[in-house]
Amino acid sequence: MAKIQFSRGIDEDAVPEVRLTRSKSGDQGTATFVFENPKALSSTSNQEITGMYMIDEEGELLTREVKAKFINGQPAGLEALYIMKSAAEWERFMRFMERYSEVKGLGLSKA
């Protein structure tokens, strides 16, 4: 049941590229999501983007750090930044990503 939404109630179909960074101490981390041509920016979508909502059976994770990318004046993508400020937030995020990757068929590759 893991899904991502940019407007409440409307699931995003585009599968993002996700980049993770974590501090050496493990106390902080960031996740950068890059969506190419997301449904949320399509010409048929008239919904306002209010944030990025990561929803699963445990609840909801939220970030308001969402930026649109435009090419030649046309919407081309979205970039969202999720910041984790504790080891517990990191673990919760990783549980969401595990569920989301099963649903969307994502894999992990280390740099």
PDB file of N, CA and C in Angstrom:
ATOM      1  N   MET A   1       0.805  -1.191   0.000  1.00  0.00           N
ATOM      2  CA  MET A   1       0.000   0.000   0.000  1.00  0.00           C
ATOM      3  C   MET A   1       0.854   1.264   0.000  1.00  0.00           C
ATOM      4  N   ALA A   2       2.140   1.169  -0.143  1.00  0.00           N
ATOM      5  CA  ALA A   2       3.005   2.346  -0.134  1.00  0.00           C
ATOM      6  C   ALA A   2       2.802   3.157  -1.406  1.00  0.00           C
ATOM      7  N   LYS A   3       2.620   4.479  -1.230  1.00  0.00           N
ATOM      8  CA  LYS A   3       2.390   5.344  -2.387  1.00  0.00           C
ATOM      9  C   LYS A   3       2.882   6.742  -2.084  1.00  0.00           C
ATOM     10  N   ILE A   4       3.065   7.515  -3.150  1.00  0.00           N
ATOM     11  CA  ILE A   4       3.473   8.909  -3.036  1.00  0.00           C
ATOM     12  C   ILE A   4       2.397   9.762  -3.680  1.00  0.00           C
ATOM     13  N   GLN A   5       2.084  10.875  -3.021  1.00  0.00           N
ATOM     14  CA  GLN A   5       1.102  11.823  -3.549  1.00  0.00           C
ATOM     15  C   GLN A   5       1.674  13.235  -3.445  1.00  0.00           C
ATOM     16  N   PHE A   6       1.322  14.084  -4.406  1.00  0.00           N
ATOM     17  CA  PHE A   6       1.684  15.498  -4.341  1.00  0.00           C
ATOM     18  C   PHE A   6       0.470  16.351  -3.992  1.00  0.00           C
ATOM     19  N   SER A   7      -0.710  15.815  -4.226  1.00  0.00           N
ATOM     20  CA  SER A   7      -1.973  16.413  -3.806  1.00  0.00           C
ATOM     21  C   SER A   7      -2.728  15.301  -3.091  1.00  0.00           C
ATOM     22  N   ARG A   8      -3.274  15.601  -1.969  1.00  0.00           N
ATOM     23  CA  ARG A   8      -3.941  14.555  -1.186  1.00  0.00           C
ATOM     24  C   ARG A   8      -4.995  13.824  -2.011  1.00  0.00           C
ATOM     25  N   GLY A   9      -4.920  12.505  -1.963  1.00  0.00           N
ATOM     26  CA  GLY A   9      -5.913  11.674  -2.632  1.00  0.00           C
ATOM     27  C   GLY A   9      -5.573  11.290  -4.057  1.00  0.00           C
ATOM     28  N   ILE A  10      -4.493  11.855  -4.636  1.00  0.00           N
ATOM     29  CA  ILE A  10      -4.132  11.542  -6.020  1.00  0.00           C
ATOM     30  C   ILE A  10      -2.743  10.903  -6.035  1.00  0.00           C
ATOM     31  N   ASP A  11      -2.692   9.590  -6.306  1.00  0.00           N
ATOM     32  CA  ASP A  11      -1.432   8.853  -6.309  1.00  0.00           C
ATOM     33  C   ASP A  11      -0.594   9.241  -7.515  1.00  0.00           C
ATOM     34  N   GLU A  12       0.715   9.369  -7.292  1.00  0.00           N
ATOM     35  CA  GLU A  12       1.649   9.659  -8.378  1.00  0.00           C
ATOM     36  C   GLU A  12       2.085   8.352  -9.016  1.00  0.00           C
ATOM     37  N   ASP A  13       1.957   8.274 -10.351  1.00  0.00           N
ATOM     38  CA  ASP A  13       2.327   7.061 -11.076  1.00  0.00           C
ATOM     39  C   ASP A  13       3.805   7.016 -11.454  1.00  0.00           C
ATOM     40  N   ALA A  14       4.416   8.187 -11.661  1.00  0.00           N
ATOM     41  CA  ALA A  14       5.821   8.232 -12.074  1.00  0.00           C
ATOM     42  C   ALA A  14       6.708   7.641 -10.985  1.00  0.00           C
ATOM     43  N   VAL A  15       7.684   6.853 -11.402  1.00  0.00           N
ATOM     44  CA  VAL A  15       8.616   6.228 -10.466  1.00  0.00           C
ATOM     45  C   VAL A  15       9.849   7.135 -10.371  1.00  0.00           C
ATOM     46  N   PRO A  16      10.202   7.570  -9.169  1.00  0.00           N
ATOM     47  CA  PRO A  16      11.308   8.512  -9.023  1.00  0.00           C
ATOM     48  C   PRO A  16      12.674   7.841  -8.973  1.00  0.00           C
ATOM     49  N   GLU A  17      13.682   8.646  -9.238  1.00  0.00           N
ATOM     50  CA  GLU A  17      15.050   8.272  -8.887  1.00  0.00           C
ATOM     51  C   GLU A  17      15.238   8.825  -7.479  1.00  0.00           C
ATOM     52  N   VAL A  18      15.767   8.016  -6.571  1.00  0.00           N
ATOM     53  CA  VAL A  18      15.927   8.441  -5.178  1.00  0.00           C
ATOM     54  C   VAL A  18      17.404   8.350  -4.811  1.00  0.00           C
ATOM     55  N   ARG A  19      17.931   9.458  -4.275  1.00  0.00           N
ATOM     56  CA  ARG A  19      19.320   9.487  -3.812  1.00  0.00           C
ATOM     57  C   ARG A  19      19.319   9.715  -2.309  1.00  0.00           C
ATOM     58  N   LEU A  20      20.061   8.884  -1.591  1.00  0.00           N
ATOM     59  CA  LEU A  20      20.123   8.968  -0.130  1.00  0.00           C
ATOM     60  C   LEU A  20      21.508   9.389   0.323  1.00  0.00           C
ATOM     61  N   THR A  21      21.549  10.231   1.351  1.00  0.00           N
ATOM     62  CA  THR A  21      22.798  10.539   2.029  1.00  0.00           C
ATOM     63  C   THR A  21      22.531  10.422   3.525  1.00  0.00           C
ATOM     64  N   ARG A  22      23.587  10.060   4.256  1.00  0.00           N
ATOM     65  CA  ARG A  22      23.440   9.907   5.709  1.00  0.00           C
ATOM     66  C   ARG A  22      24.723  10.376   6.375  1.00  0.00           C
ATOM     67  N   SER A  23      24.593  11.044   7.508  1.00  0.00           N
ATOM     68  CA  SER A  23      25.765  11.509   8.239  1.00  0.00           C
ATOM     69  C   SER A  23      26.540  10.310   8.780  1.00  0.00           C
ATOM     70  N   LYS A  24      27.831  10.523   9.045  1.00  0.00           N
ATOM     71  CA  LYS A  24      28.659   9.435   9.566  1.00  0.00           C
ATOM     72  C   LYS A  24      28.128   8.907  10.898  1.00  0.00           C
ATOM     73  N   SER A  25      27.553   9.798  11.709  1.00  0.00           N
ATOM     74  CA  SER A  25      27.026   9.386  13.017  1.00  0.00           C
ATOM     75  C   SER A  25      25.703   8.634  12.879  1.00  0.00           C
ATOM     76  N   GLY A  26      25.043   8.761  11.720  1.00  0.00           N
ATOM     77  CA  GLY A  26      23.763   8.095  11.508  1.00  0.00           C
ATOM     78  C   GLY A  26      22.581   8.854  12.078  1.00  0.00           C
ATOM     79  N   ASP A  27      22.853  10.049  12.615  1.00  0.00           N
ATOM     80  CA  ASP A  27      21.782  10.831  13.240  1.00  0.00           C
ATOM     81  C   ASP A  27      20.950  11.622  12.243  1.00  0.00           C
ATOM     82  N   GLN A  28      21.510  11.937  11.088  1.00  0.00           N
ATOM     83  CA  GLN A  28      20.803  12.741  10.110  1.00  0.00           C
ATOM     84  C   GLN A  28      20.958  12.146   8.722  1.00  0.00           C
ATOM     85  N   GLY A  29      19.998  12.471   7.862  1.00  0.00           N
ATOM     86  CA  GLY A  29      20.080  12.000   6.488  1.00  0.00           C
ATOM     87  C   GLY A  29      19.150  12.787   5.598  1.00  0.00           C
ATOM     88  N   THR A  30      19.341  12.646   4.296  1.00  0.00           N
ATOM     89  CA  THR A  30      18.455  13.284   3.333  1.00  0.00           C
ATOM     90  C   THR A  30      18.114  12.287   2.230  1.00  0.00           C
ATOM     91  N   ALA A  31      16.940  12.465   1.682  1.00  0.00           N
ATOM     92  CA  ALA A  31      16.509  11.693   0.519  1.00  0.00           C
ATOM     93  C   ALA A  31      16.058  12.696  -0.535  1.00  0.00           C
ATOM     94  N   THR A  32      16.625  12.589  -1.726  1.00  0.00           N
ATOM     95  CA  THR A  32      16.248  13.459  -2.834  1.00  0.00           C
ATOM     96  C   THR A  32      15.507  12.616  -3.854  1.00  0.00           C
ATOM     97  N   PHE A  33      14.286  13.015  -4.163  1.00  0.00           N
ATOM     98  CA  PHE A  33      13.445  12.322  -5.131  1.00  0.00           C
ATOM     99  C   PHE A  33      13.396  13.150  -6.407  1.00  0.00           C
ATOM    100  N   VAL A  34      13.643  12.516  -7.547  1.00  0.00           N
ATOM    101  CA  VAL A  34      13.548  13.204  -8.837  1.00  0.00           C
ATOM    102  C   VAL A  34      12.522  12.459  -9.686  1.00  0.00           C
ATOM    103  N   PHE A  35      11.457  13.157 -10.031  1.00  0.00           N
ATOM    104  CA  PHE A  35      10.388  12.598 -10.853  1.00  0.00           C
ATOM    105  C   PHE A  35      10.453  13.239 -12.236  1.00  0.00           C
ATOM    106  N   GLU A  36      10.584  12.440 -13.285  1.00  0.00           N
ATOM    107  CA  GLU A  36      10.544  12.941 -14.658  1.00  0.00           C
ATOM    108  C   GLU A  36       9.115  12.829 -15.176  1.00  0.00           C
ATOM    109  N   ASN A  37       8.580  13.919 -15.694  1.00  0.00           N
ATOM    110  CA  ASN A  37       7.226  13.969 -16.253  1.00  0.00           C
ATOM    111  C   ASN A  37       6.172  13.349 -15.328  1.00  0.00           C
ATOM    112  N   PRO A  38       6.065  13.823 -14.100  1.00  0.00           N
ATOM    113  CA  PRO A  38       5.073  13.258 -13.185  1.00  0.00           C
ATOM    114  C   PRO A  38       3.648  13.632 -13.568  1.00  0.00           C
ATOM    115  N   LYS A  39       2.736  12.775 -13.161  1.00  0.00           N
ATOM    116  CA  LYS A  39       1.308  13.012 -13.403  1.00  0.00           C
ATOM    117  C   LYS A  39       0.857  14.323 -12.761  1.00  0.00           C
ATOM    118  N   ALA A  40       1.469  14.679 -11.643  1.00  0.00           N
ATOM    119  CA  ALA A  40       1.083  15.893 -10.924  1.00  0.00           C
ATOM    120  C   ALA A  40       1.295  17.156 -11.760  1.00  0.00           C
ATOM    121  N   LEU A  41       2.178  17.105 -12.756  1.00  0.00           N
ATOM    122  CA  LEU A  41       2.437  18.266 -13.610  1.00  0.00           C
ATOM    123  C   LEU A  41       1.774  18.163 -14.977  1.00  0.00           C
ATOM    124  N   SER A  42       1.008  17.115 -15.210  1.00  0.00           N
ATOM    125  CA  SER A  42       0.403  16.937 -16.528  1.00  0.00           C
ATOM    126  C   SER A  42      -0.633  18.022 -16.799  1.00  0.00           C
ATOM    127  N   SER A  43      -0.902  18.255 -18.061  1.00  0.00           N
ATOM    128  CA  SER A  43      -1.860  19.301 -18.446  1.00  0.00           C
ATOM    129  C   SER A  43      -3.280  18.955 -18.002  1.00  0.00           C
ATOM    130  N   THR A  44      -3.556  17.685 -17.743  1.00  0.00           N
ATOM    131  CA  THR A  44      -4.898  17.287 -17.308  1.00  0.00           C
ATOM    132  C   THR A  44      -5.075  17.410 -15.800  1.00  0.00           C
ATOM    133  N   SER A  45      -3.959  17.582 -15.081  1.00  0.00           N
ATOM    134  CA  SER A  45      -4.040  17.707 -13.625  1.00  0.00           C
ATOM    135  C   SER A  45      -4.295  19.161 -13.253  1.00  0.00           C
ATOM    136  N   ASN A  46      -5.362  19.388 -12.541  1.00  0.00           N
ATOM    137  CA  ASN A  46      -5.653  20.741 -12.086  1.00  0.00           C
ATOM    138  C   ASN A  46      -5.514  20.844 -10.569  1.00  0.00           C
ATOM    139  N   GLN A  47      -4.822  19.880  -9.980  1.00  0.00           N
ATOM    140  CA  GLN A  47      -4.632  19.859  -8.534  1.00  0.00           C
ATOM    141  C   GLN A  47      -3.406  20.684  -8.144  1.00  0.00           C
ATOM    142  N   GLU A  48      -3.496  21.348  -7.018  1.00  0.00           N
ATOM    143  CA  GLU A  48      -2.373  22.112  -6.489  1.00  0.00           C
ATOM    144  C   GLU A  48      -1.406  21.163  -5.784  1.00  0.00           C
ATOM    145  N   ILE A  49      -0.120  21.332  -6.029  1.00  0.00           N
ATOM    146  CA  ILE A  49       0.903  20.535  -5.343  1.00  0.00           C
ATOM    147  C   ILE A  49       1.120  21.165  -3.979  1.00  0.00           C
ATOM    148  N   THR A  50       0.815  20.422  -2.933  1.00  0.00           N
ATOM    149  CA  THR A  50       0.884  20.956  -1.569  1.00  0.00           C
ATOM    150  C   THR A  50       2.037  20.365  -0.764  1.00  0.00           C
ATOM    151  N   GLY A  51       2.797  19.462  -1.341  1.00  0.00           N
ATOM    152  CA  GLY A  51       3.903  18.811  -0.666  1.00  0.00           C
ATOM    153  C   GLY A  51       4.063  17.423  -1.258  1.00  0.00           C
ATOM    154  N   MET A  52       4.980  16.639  -0.708  1.00  0.00           N
ATOM    155  CA  MET A  52       5.105  15.247  -1.111  1.00  0.00           C
ATOM    156  C   MET A  52       4.737  14.392   0.095  1.00  0.00           C
ATOM    157  N   TYR A  53       3.710  13.573  -0.086  1.00  0.00           N
ATOM    158  CA  TYR A  53       3.187  12.718   0.969  1.00  0.00           C
ATOM    159  C   TYR A  53       3.585  11.282   0.664  1.00  0.00           C
ATOM    160  N   MET A  54       4.317  10.674   1.583  1.00  0.00           N
ATOM    161  CA  MET A  54       4.709   9.268   1.450  1.00  0.00           C
ATOM    162  C   MET A  54       3.833   8.487   2.417  1.00  0.00           C
ATOM    163  N   ILE A  55       2.951   7.662   1.872  1.00  0.00           N
ATOM    164  CA  ILE A  55       1.902   7.035   2.673  1.00  0.00           C
ATOM    165  C   ILE A  55       2.055   5.516   2.633  1.00  0.00           C
ATOM    166  N   ASP A  56       2.010   4.905   3.798  1.00  0.00           N
ATOM    167  CA  ASP A  56       1.993   3.441   3.891  1.00  0.00           C
ATOM    168  C   ASP A  56       1.149   3.040   5.090  1.00  0.00           C
ATOM    169  N   GLU A  57       1.179   1.755   5.429  1.00  0.00           N
ATOM    170  CA  GLU A  57       0.317   1.275   6.503  1.00  0.00           C
ATOM    171  C   GLU A  57       0.702   1.826   7.877  1.00  0.00           C
ATOM    172  N   GLU A  58       1.914   2.363   8.027  1.00  0.00           N
ATOM    173  CA  GLU A  58       2.320   2.959   9.302  1.00  0.00           C
ATOM    174  C   GLU A  58       1.835   4.396   9.450  1.00  0.00           C
ATOM    175  N   GLY A  59       1.491   5.020   8.342  1.00  0.00           N
ATOM    176  CA  GLY A  59       1.055   6.414   8.407  1.00  0.00           C
ATOM    177  C   GLY A  59       1.583   7.217   7.237  1.00  0.00           C
ATOM    178  N   GLU A  60       2.010   8.446   7.537  1.00  0.00           N
ATOM    179  CA  GLU A  60       2.387   9.379   6.479  1.00  0.00           C
ATOM    180  C   GLU A  60       3.669  10.116   6.852  1.00  0.00           C
ATOM    181  N   LEU A  61       4.559  10.240   5.872  1.00  0.00           N
ATOM    182  CA  LEU A  61       5.737  11.094   5.981  1.00  0.00           C
ATOM    183  C   LEU A  61       5.502  12.258   5.031  1.00  0.00           C
ATOM    184  N   LEU A  62       5.928  13.458   5.406  1.00  0.00           N
ATOM    185  CA  LEU A  62       5.611  14.644   4.615  1.00  0.00           C
ATOM    186  C   LEU A  62       6.816  15.549   4.463  1.00  0.00           C
ATOM    187  N   THR A  63       6.976  16.094   3.271  1.00  0.00           N
ATOM    188  CA  THR A  63       7.922  17.177   3.051  1.00  0.00           C
ATOM    189  C   THR A  63       7.240  18.252   2.214  1.00  0.00           C
ATOM    190  N   ARG A  64       7.543  19.489   2.531  1.00  0.00           N
ATOM    191  CA  ARG A  64       7.036  20.626   1.746  1.00  0.00           C
ATOM    192  C   ARG A  64       8.104  21.119   0.773  1.00  0.00           C
ATOM    193  N   GLU A  65       9.288  20.510   0.820  1.00  0.00           N
ATOM    194  CA  GLU A  65      10.410  20.900  -0.042  1.00  0.00           C
ATOM    195  C   GLU A  65      10.254  20.258  -1.422  1.00  0.00           C
ATOM    196  N   VAL A  66       9.383  20.822  -2.237  1.00  0.00           N
ATOM    197  CA  VAL A  66       9.112  20.298  -3.579  1.00  0.00           C
ATOM    198  C   VAL A  66       9.320  21.429  -4.579  1.00  0.00           C
ATOM    199  N   LYS A  67      10.133  21.157  -5.600  1.00  0.00           N
ATOM    200  CA  LYS A  67      10.419  22.156  -6.633  1.00  0.00           C
ATOM    201  C   LYS A  67      10.109  21.570  -8.002  1.00  0.00           C
ATOM    202  N   ALA A  68       9.544  22.407  -8.868  1.00  0.00           N
ATOM    203  CA  ALA A  68       9.256  21.987 -10.239  1.00  0.00           C
ATOM    204  C   ALA A  68      10.424  22.361 -11.141  1.00  0.00           C
ATOM    205  N   LYS A  69      10.646  21.539 -12.167  1.00  0.00           N
ATOM    206  CA  LYS A  69      11.683  21.798 -13.169  1.00  0.00           C
ATOM    207  C   LYS A  69      10.985  22.041 -14.494  1.00  0.00           C
ATOM    208  N   PHE A  70      11.384  23.100 -15.187  1.00  0.00           N
ATOM    209  CA  PHE A  70      10.780  23.452 -16.468  1.00  0.00           C
ATOM    210  C   PHE A  70      11.842  23.452 -17.558  1.00  0.00           C
ATOM    211  N   ILE A  71      11.475  22.975 -18.746  1.00  0.00           N
ATOM    212  CA  ILE A  71      12.339  23.013 -19.924  1.00  0.00           C
ATOM    213  C   ILE A  71      11.562  23.705 -21.028  1.00  0.00           C
ATOM    214  N   ASN A  72      12.115  24.800 -21.551  1.00  0.00           N
ATOM    215  CA  ASN A  72      11.452  25.605 -22.579  1.00  0.00           C
ATOM    216  C   ASN A  72      10.039  26.012 -22.154  1.00  0.00           C
ATOM    217  N   GLY A  73       9.898  26.357 -20.891  1.00  0.00           N
ATOM    218  CA  GLY A  73       8.616  26.824 -20.383  1.00  0.00           C
ATOM    219  C   GLY A  73       7.593  25.738 -20.101  1.00  0.00           C
ATOM    220  N   GLN A  74       7.948  24.488 -20.344  1.00  0.00           N
ATOM    221  CA  GLN A  74       7.023  23.379 -20.106  1.00  0.00           C
ATOM    222  C   GLN A  74       7.461  22.597 -18.867  1.00  0.00           C
ATOM    223  N   PRO A  75       6.509  22.177 -18.032  1.00  0.00           N
ATOM    224  CA  PRO A  75       6.875  21.404 -16.842  1.00  0.00           C
ATOM    225  C   PRO A  75       7.485  20.060 -17.243  1.00  0.00           C
ATOM    226  N   ALA A  76       8.636  19.744 -16.638  1.00  0.00           N
ATOM    227  CA  ALA A  76       9.347  18.516 -17.013  1.00  0.00           C
ATOM    228  C   ALA A  76       9.584  17.575 -15.845  1.00  0.00           C
ATOM    229  N   GLY A  77       9.548  18.089 -14.636  1.00  0.00           N
ATOM    230  CA  GLY A  77       9.839  17.209 -13.520  1.00  0.00           C
ATOM    231  C   GLY A  77       9.633  17.877 -12.179  1.00  0.00           C
ATOM    232  N   LEU A  78       9.724  17.060 -11.151  1.00  0.00           N
ATOM    233  CA  LEU A  78       9.633  17.530  -9.772  1.00  0.00           C
ATOM    234  C   LEU A  78      10.822  16.987  -9.001  1.00  0.00           C
ATOM    235  N   GLU A  79      11.331  17.797  -8.091  1.00  0.00           N
ATOM    236  CA  GLU A  79      12.382  17.347  -7.191  1.00  0.00           C
ATOM    237  C   GLU A  79      11.916  17.620  -5.771  1.00  0.00           C
ATOM    238  N   ALA A  80      11.973  16.603  -4.923  1.00  0.00           N
ATOM    239  CA  ALA A  80      11.543  16.740  -3.535  1.00  0.00           C
ATOM    240  C   ALA A  80      12.682  16.326  -2.618  1.00  0.00           C
ATOM    241  N   LEU A  81      12.830  17.052  -1.530  1.00  0.00           N
ATOM    242  CA  LEU A  81      13.874  16.776  -0.555  1.00  0.00           C
ATOM    243  C   LEU A  81      13.217  16.424   0.772  1.00  0.00           C
ATOM    244  N   TYR A  82      13.559  15.254   1.316  1.00  0.00           N
ATOM    245  CA  TYR A  82      13.050  14.822   2.615  1.00  0.00           C
ATOM    246  C   TYR A  82      14.233  14.752   3.572  1.00  0.00           C
ATOM    247  N   ILE A  83      14.153  15.471   4.690  1.00  0.00           N
ATOM    248  CA  ILE A  83      15.250  15.536   5.653  1.00  0.00           C
ATOM    249  C   ILE A  83      14.883  14.739   6.895  1.00  0.00           C
ATOM    250  N   MET A  84      15.818  13.882   7.299  1.00  0.00           N
ATOM    251  CA  MET A  84      15.640  13.060   8.503  1.00  0.00           C
ATOM    252  C   MET A  84      16.617  13.560   9.561  1.00  0.00           C
ATOM    253  N   LYS A  85      16.122  13.875  10.744  1.00  0.00           N
ATOM    254  CA  LYS A  85      16.940  14.489  11.782  1.00  0.00           C
ATOM    255  C   LYS A  85      17.263  13.564  12.941  1.00  0.00           C
ATOM    256  N   SER A  86      16.915  12.295  12.826  1.00  0.00           N
ATOM    257  CA  SER A  86      17.247  11.343  13.890  1.00  0.00           C
ATOM    258  C   SER A  86      17.346   9.946  13.289  1.00  0.00           C
ATOM    259  N   ALA A  87      17.963   9.055  14.041  1.00  0.00           N
ATOM    260  CA  ALA A  87      18.075   7.669  13.597  1.00  0.00           C
ATOM    261  C   ALA A  87      16.694   7.030  13.468  1.00  0.00           C
ATOM    262  N   ALA A  88      15.773   7.409  14.352  1.00  0.00           N
ATOM    263  CA  ALA A  88      14.409   6.860  14.297  1.00  0.00           C
ATOM    264  C   ALA A  88      13.697   7.310  13.027  1.00  0.00           C
ATOM    265  N   GLU A  89      13.879   8.570  12.623  1.00  0.00           N
ATOM    266  CA  GLU A  89      13.276   9.052  11.377  1.00  0.00           C
ATOM    267  C   GLU A  89      13.876   8.327  10.169  1.00  0.00           C
ATOM    268  N   TRP A  90      15.187   8.073  10.216  1.00  0.00           N
ATOM    269  CA  TRP A  90      15.854   7.328   9.136  1.00  0.00           C
ATOM    270  C   TRP A  90      15.256   5.929   9.014  1.00  0.00           C
ATOM    271  N   GLU A  91      15.114   5.248  10.143  1.00  0.00           N
ATOM    272  CA  GLU A  91      14.564   3.890  10.134  1.00  0.00           C
ATOM    273  C   GLU A  91      13.136   3.879   9.609  1.00  0.00           C
ATOM    274  N   ARG A  92      12.336   4.843  10.019  1.00  0.00           N
ATOM    275  CA  ARG A  92      10.949   4.928   9.530  1.00  0.00           C
ATOM    276  C   ARG A  92      10.924   5.164   8.026  1.00  0.00           C
ATOM    277  N   PHE A  93      11.776   6.054   7.535  1.00  0.00           N
ATOM    278  CA  PHE A  93      11.849   6.317   6.109  1.00  0.00           C
ATOM    279  C   PHE A  93      12.266   5.054   5.346  1.00  0.00           C
ATOM    280  N   MET A  94      13.237   4.337   5.866  1.00  0.00           N
ATOM    281  CA  MET A  94      13.718   3.125   5.193  1.00  0.00           C
ATOM    282  C   MET A  94      12.621   2.055   5.146  1.00  0.00           C
ATOM    283  N   ARG A  95      11.789   1.977   6.176  1.00  0.00           N
ATOM    284  CA  ARG A  95      10.667   1.027   6.129  1.00  0.00           C
ATOM    285  C   ARG A  95       9.689   1.424   5.030  1.00  0.00           C
ATOM    286  N   PHE A  96       9.418   2.741   4.908  1.00  0.00           N
ATOM    287  CA  PHE A  96       8.554   3.188   3.816  1.00  0.00           C
ATOM    288  C   PHE A  96       9.179   2.833   2.464  1.00  0.00           C
ATOM    289  N   MET A  97      10.462   3.127   2.296  1.00  0.00           N
ATOM    290  CA  MET A  97      11.117   2.886   1.003  1.00  0.00           C
ATOM    291  C   MET A  97      11.140   1.399   0.653  1.00  0.00           C
ATOM    292  N   GLU A  98      11.287   0.550   1.648  1.00  0.00           N
ATOM    293  CA  GLU A  98      11.259  -0.889   1.390  1.00  0.00           C
ATOM    294  C   GLU A  98       9.901  -1.295   0.820  1.00  0.00           C
ATOM    295  N   ARG A  99       8.839  -0.794   1.426  1.00  0.00           N
ATOM    296  CA  ARG A  99       7.489  -1.100   0.935  1.00  0.00           C
ATOM    297  C   ARG A  99       7.255  -0.486  -0.448  1.00  0.00           C
ATOM    298  N   TYR A 100       7.668   0.774  -0.618  1.00  0.00           N
ATOM    299  CA  TYR A 100       7.469   1.472  -1.894  1.00  0.00           C
ATOM    300  C   TYR A 100       8.253   0.790  -3.013  1.00  0.00           C
ATOM    301  N   SER A 101       9.473   0.358  -2.720  1.00  0.00           N
ATOM    302  CA  SER A 101      10.290  -0.288  -3.751  1.00  0.00           C
ATOM    303  C   SER A 101       9.701  -1.640  -4.160  1.00  0.00           C
ATOM    304  N   GLU A 102       9.052  -2.331  -3.235  1.00  0.00           N
ATOM    305  CA  GLU A 102       8.379  -3.589  -3.598  1.00  0.00           C
ATOM    306  C   GLU A 102       7.228  -3.327  -4.558  1.00  0.00           C
ATOM    307  N   VAL A 103       6.461  -2.275  -4.278  1.00  0.00           N
ATOM    308  CA  VAL A 103       5.309  -1.933  -5.121  1.00  0.00           C
ATOM    309  C   VAL A 103       5.753  -1.472  -6.505  1.00  0.00           C
ATOM    310  N   LYS A 104       6.813  -0.642  -6.560  1.00  0.00           N
ATOM    311  CA  LYS A 104       7.246  -0.008  -7.811  1.00  0.00           C
ATOM    312  C   LYS A 104       8.389  -0.728  -8.512  1.00  0.00           C
ATOM    313  N   GLY A 105       8.943  -1.759  -7.893  1.00  0.00           N
ATOM    314  CA  GLY A 105      10.027  -2.515  -8.515  1.00  0.00           C
ATOM    315  C   GLY A 105      11.356  -1.769  -8.539  1.00  0.00           C
ATOM    316  N   LEU A 106      11.642  -0.999  -7.499  1.00  0.00           N
ATOM    317  CA  LEU A 106      12.902  -0.267  -7.419  1.00  0.00           C
ATOM    318  C   LEU A 106      13.988  -1.157  -6.854  1.00  0.00           C
ATOM    319  N   GLY A 107      15.228  -0.824  -7.181  1.00  0.00           N
ATOM    320  CA  GLY A 107      16.372  -1.540  -6.637  1.00  0.00           C
ATOM    321  C   GLY A 107      17.331  -0.558  -5.990  1.00  0.00           C
ATOM    322  N   LEU A 108      18.311  -1.053  -5.250  1.00  0.00           N
ATOM    323  CA  LEU A 108      19.287  -0.224  -4.562  1.00  0.00           C
ATOM    324  C   LEU A 108      20.647  -0.443  -5.186  1.00  0.00           C
ATOM    325  N   SER A 109      21.330   0.645  -5.511  1.00  0.00           N
ATOM    326  CA  SER A 109      22.717   0.548  -5.962  1.00  0.00           C
ATOM    327  C   SER A 109      23.534   1.554  -5.176  1.00  0.00           C
ATOM    328  N   LYS A 110      24.654   1.097  -4.621  1.00  0.00           N
ATOM    329  CA  LYS A 110      25.494   1.964  -3.804  1.00  0.00           C
ATOM    330  C   LYS A 110      26.488   2.692  -4.685  1.00  0.00           C
ATOM    331  N   ALA A 111      26.795   3.924  -4.276  1.00  0.00           N
ATOM    332  CA  ALA A 111      27.728   4.770  -5.045  1.00  0.00           C
ATOM    333  C   ALA A 111      29.141   4.266  -4.887  1.00  0.00           C
TER     334      ALA A 111
END
